[in-house]
Amino acid sequence: MNREPLTPHDPILRTCTEPEVTVLLRELHEAGRPFGILWGSAVVDGTTIDGRMLVNFGHAPVSTLLNLLDLLRETDRK
């Protein structure tokens, strides 16, 4: 990864909306499929903690989703 991973407390995550996270989840489903990363049940939870949205695959913060996508994008570039 070219940059430091996001932390769950990164201020930028407070700006994520449910539609934006839904698009990111679709990207995860597509990008992760060749690697066996299948989270068909992962959806935006609608739950927030201190203003940060959660994704329902174990109540992960959006930072986990973004960091995973960053790793998958980096793999695609190699």
N, C-alpha and C. Protein backbone atom coordinates (compact mmCIF):
# COMPACT_ATOMS: atom_id res chain seq x y z
N MET A 1 0.84 -1.15 0.00
CA MET A 1 0.00 0.00 0.00
C MET A 1 0.90 1.23 0.00
N ASN A 2 0.55 2.22 -0.77
CA ASN A 2 1.37 3.40 -0.92
C ASN A 2 1.21 4.41 0.21
N ARG A 3 0.18 4.30 0.97
CA ARG A 3 -0.04 5.25 2.05
C ARG A 3 -0.43 4.50 3.31
N GLU A 4 -0.45 5.24 4.40
CA GLU A 4 -0.83 4.64 5.67
C GLU A 4 -2.30 4.25 5.64
N PRO A 5 -2.66 3.12 6.26
CA PRO A 5 -4.07 2.73 6.31
C PRO A 5 -4.89 3.77 7.09
N LEU A 6 -6.14 3.87 6.74
CA LEU A 6 -7.06 4.73 7.49
C LEU A 6 -7.36 4.06 8.83
N THR A 7 -7.56 4.86 9.83
CA THR A 7 -7.99 4.33 11.12
C THR A 7 -9.49 4.57 11.27
N PRO A 8 -10.13 3.81 12.13
CA PRO A 8 -11.58 4.01 12.32
C PRO A 8 -11.94 5.43 12.78
N HIS A 9 -10.96 6.16 13.32
CA HIS A 9 -11.23 7.49 13.85
C HIS A 9 -10.83 8.61 12.90
N ASP A 10 -10.46 8.26 11.66
CA ASP A 10 -10.07 9.28 10.70
C ASP A 10 -11.25 10.21 10.43
N PRO A 11 -11.04 11.52 10.53
CA PRO A 11 -12.15 12.48 10.35
C PRO A 11 -12.84 12.38 8.99
N ILE A 12 -12.13 11.98 7.95
CA ILE A 12 -12.75 11.90 6.62
C ILE A 12 -13.90 10.90 6.59
N LEU A 13 -13.87 9.92 7.48
CA LEU A 13 -14.92 8.90 7.49
C LEU A 13 -16.26 9.45 7.93
N ARG A 14 -16.27 10.57 8.61
CA ARG A 14 -17.53 11.18 9.04
C ARG A 14 -18.33 11.72 7.84
N THR A 15 -17.66 11.86 6.70
CA THR A 15 -18.34 12.40 5.52
C THR A 15 -18.95 11.31 4.64
N CYS A 16 -18.69 10.05 4.95
CA CYS A 16 -19.21 8.95 4.13
C CYS A 16 -20.72 8.84 4.28
N THR A 17 -21.40 8.77 3.16
CA THR A 17 -22.85 8.60 3.18
C THR A 17 -23.20 7.14 2.86
N GLU A 18 -24.40 6.75 3.18
CA GLU A 18 -24.84 5.38 2.91
C GLU A 18 -24.75 5.03 1.42
N PRO A 19 -25.18 5.91 0.50
CA PRO A 19 -25.04 5.58 -0.93
C PRO A 19 -23.58 5.42 -1.36
N GLU A 20 -22.69 6.25 -0.81
CA GLU A 20 -21.27 6.13 -1.16
C GLU A 20 -20.69 4.80 -0.68
N VAL A 21 -21.04 4.41 0.53
CA VAL A 21 -20.53 3.15 1.07
C VAL A 21 -21.12 1.97 0.31
N THR A 22 -22.36 2.08 -0.13
CA THR A 22 -22.98 1.03 -0.93
C THR A 22 -22.21 0.83 -2.23
N VAL A 23 -21.80 1.92 -2.86
CA VAL A 23 -20.99 1.82 -4.09
C VAL A 23 -19.64 1.16 -3.79
N LEU A 24 -19.03 1.50 -2.68
CA LEU A 24 -17.76 0.89 -2.30
C LEU A 24 -17.92 -0.61 -2.05
N LEU A 25 -19.04 -0.99 -1.45
CA LEU A 25 -19.29 -2.42 -1.23
C LEU A 25 -19.45 -3.17 -2.56
N ARG A 26 -20.12 -2.53 -3.52
CA ARG A 26 -20.23 -3.16 -4.84
C ARG A 26 -18.84 -3.35 -5.46
N GLU A 27 -17.99 -2.33 -5.29
CA GLU A 27 -16.62 -2.45 -5.81
C GLU A 27 -15.87 -3.58 -5.11
N LEU A 28 -16.06 -3.70 -3.81
CA LEU A 28 -15.42 -4.79 -3.07
C LEU A 28 -15.88 -6.14 -3.59
N HIS A 29 -17.16 -6.29 -3.86
CA HIS A 29 -17.68 -7.55 -4.37
C HIS A 29 -17.04 -7.90 -5.71
N GLU A 30 -16.90 -6.90 -6.58
CA GLU A 30 -16.30 -7.14 -7.90
C GLU A 30 -14.79 -7.37 -7.81
N ALA A 31 -14.09 -6.49 -7.11
CA ALA A 31 -12.63 -6.58 -7.03
C ALA A 31 -12.18 -7.77 -6.21
N GLY A 32 -12.96 -8.16 -5.22
CA GLY A 32 -12.56 -9.27 -4.36
C GLY A 32 -12.86 -10.65 -4.90
N ARG A 33 -13.79 -10.73 -5.85
CA ARG A 33 -14.20 -12.03 -6.38
C ARG A 33 -13.02 -12.87 -6.88
N PRO A 34 -12.08 -12.32 -7.68
CA PRO A 34 -10.97 -13.14 -8.15
C PRO A 34 -10.07 -13.67 -7.03
N PHE A 35 -10.13 -13.04 -5.86
CA PHE A 35 -9.30 -13.45 -4.73
C PHE A 35 -10.08 -14.29 -3.72
N GLY A 36 -11.31 -14.59 -4.04
CA GLY A 36 -12.13 -15.39 -3.13
C GLY A 36 -12.71 -14.59 -1.98
N ILE A 37 -12.66 -13.25 -2.10
CA ILE A 37 -13.23 -12.40 -1.06
C ILE A 37 -14.69 -12.18 -1.42
N LEU A 38 -15.55 -12.95 -0.78
CA LEU A 38 -16.98 -12.90 -1.09
C LEU A 38 -17.75 -12.53 0.16
N TRP A 39 -18.22 -11.31 0.19
CA TRP A 39 -19.05 -10.85 1.28
C TRP A 39 -20.38 -10.41 0.72
N GLY A 40 -21.11 -11.36 0.16
CA GLY A 40 -22.40 -11.05 -0.44
C GLY A 40 -23.39 -10.46 0.54
N SER A 41 -23.20 -10.77 1.81
CA SER A 41 -24.13 -10.25 2.82
C SER A 41 -23.69 -8.92 3.40
N ALA A 42 -22.52 -8.42 2.98
CA ALA A 42 -22.03 -7.14 3.51
C ALA A 42 -22.90 -6.01 2.97
N VAL A 43 -23.45 -5.26 3.86
CA VAL A 43 -24.31 -4.14 3.50
C VAL A 43 -24.02 -2.98 4.46
N VAL A 44 -24.46 -1.81 4.08
CA VAL A 44 -24.38 -0.68 5.00
C VAL A 44 -25.32 -0.97 6.15
N ASP A 45 -24.81 -0.88 7.34
CA ASP A 45 -25.56 -1.27 8.53
C ASP A 45 -26.61 -0.24 8.91
N GLY A 46 -26.37 1.02 8.58
CA GLY A 46 -27.28 2.07 9.03
C GLY A 46 -26.96 2.52 10.44
N THR A 47 -26.02 1.81 11.07
CA THR A 47 -25.61 2.14 12.43
C THR A 47 -24.39 3.04 12.37
N THR A 48 -24.33 3.98 13.27
CA THR A 48 -23.14 4.81 13.37
C THR A 48 -22.62 4.79 14.80
N ILE A 49 -21.33 4.95 14.90
CA ILE A 49 -20.70 5.12 16.21
C ILE A 49 -19.95 6.44 16.14
N ASP A 50 -20.35 7.36 16.99
CA ASP A 50 -19.70 8.67 17.03
C ASP A 50 -19.64 9.31 15.65
N GLY A 51 -20.71 9.15 14.88
CA GLY A 51 -20.79 9.77 13.57
C GLY A 51 -20.16 8.99 12.44
N ARG A 52 -19.58 7.83 12.73
CA ARG A 52 -18.94 7.02 11.70
C ARG A 52 -19.84 5.83 11.36
N MET A 53 -20.10 5.66 10.07
CA MET A 53 -20.98 4.60 9.60
C MET A 53 -20.30 3.24 9.72
N LEU A 54 -21.10 2.22 9.98
CA LEU A 54 -20.59 0.85 10.06
C LEU A 54 -21.08 0.05 8.87
N VAL A 55 -20.28 -0.95 8.49
CA VAL A 55 -20.64 -1.88 7.44
C VAL A 55 -20.92 -3.21 8.13
N ASN A 56 -22.01 -3.86 7.73
CA ASN A 56 -22.40 -5.08 8.41
C ASN A 56 -21.68 -6.30 7.82
N PHE A 57 -20.45 -6.48 8.19
CA PHE A 57 -19.77 -7.77 8.12
C PHE A 57 -18.94 -7.84 9.38
N GLY A 58 -19.67 -8.00 10.47
CA GLY A 58 -19.05 -7.99 11.78
C GLY A 58 -18.97 -6.58 12.35
N HIS A 59 -19.86 -5.70 11.92
CA HIS A 59 -19.89 -4.30 12.36
C HIS A 59 -18.53 -3.65 12.18
N ALA A 60 -17.97 -3.81 11.01
CA ALA A 60 -16.67 -3.21 10.69
C ALA A 60 -16.84 -1.73 10.38
N PRO A 61 -15.86 -0.93 10.76
CA PRO A 61 -15.92 0.48 10.36
C PRO A 61 -15.63 0.62 8.87
N VAL A 62 -16.06 1.70 8.28
CA VAL A 62 -15.85 1.95 6.87
C VAL A 62 -14.35 1.96 6.55
N SER A 63 -13.52 2.31 7.52
CA SER A 63 -12.07 2.31 7.28
C SER A 63 -11.58 0.92 6.87
N THR A 64 -12.17 -0.13 7.44
CA THR A 64 -11.78 -1.50 7.07
C THR A 64 -12.10 -1.75 5.60
N LEU A 65 -13.27 -1.33 5.17
CA LEU A 65 -13.67 -1.47 3.78
C LEU A 65 -12.72 -0.71 2.86
N LEU A 66 -12.43 0.54 3.19
CA LEU A 66 -11.56 1.36 2.35
C LEU A 66 -10.14 0.81 2.31
N ASN A 67 -9.62 0.32 3.43
CA ASN A 67 -8.27 -0.25 3.45
C ASN A 67 -8.20 -1.52 2.62
N LEU A 68 -9.22 -2.36 2.71
CA LEU A 68 -9.26 -3.58 1.91
C LEU A 68 -9.33 -3.24 0.42
N LEU A 69 -10.16 -2.29 0.06
CA LEU A 69 -10.26 -1.88 -1.34
C LEU A 69 -8.93 -1.32 -1.83
N ASP A 70 -8.24 -0.56 -1.00
CA ASP A 70 -6.95 -0.02 -1.38
C ASP A 70 -5.95 -1.14 -1.68
N LEU A 71 -5.96 -2.18 -0.85
CA LEU A 71 -5.08 -3.33 -1.09
C LEU A 71 -5.44 -4.03 -2.40
N LEU A 72 -6.72 -4.21 -2.67
CA LEU A 72 -7.15 -4.86 -3.90
C LEU A 72 -6.79 -4.02 -5.12
N ARG A 73 -6.95 -2.70 -5.01
CA ARG A 73 -6.57 -1.82 -6.13
C ARG A 73 -5.07 -1.89 -6.40
N GLU A 74 -4.30 -1.94 -5.33
CA GLU A 74 -2.84 -2.04 -5.47
C GLU A 74 -2.46 -3.35 -6.15
N THR A 75 -3.15 -4.42 -5.82
CA THR A 75 -2.89 -5.72 -6.45
C THR A 75 -3.20 -5.67 -7.93
N ASP A 76 -4.27 -4.96 -8.30
CA ASP A 76 -4.63 -4.82 -9.72
C ASP A 76 -3.58 -4.05 -10.51
N ARG A 77 -2.87 -3.14 -9.86
CA ARG A 77 -1.88 -2.31 -10.55
C ARG A 77 -0.58 -3.06 -10.81
N LYS A 78 -0.36 -4.14 -10.11
CA LYS A 78 0.91 -4.88 -10.27
C LYS A 78 0.85 -5.87 -11.38
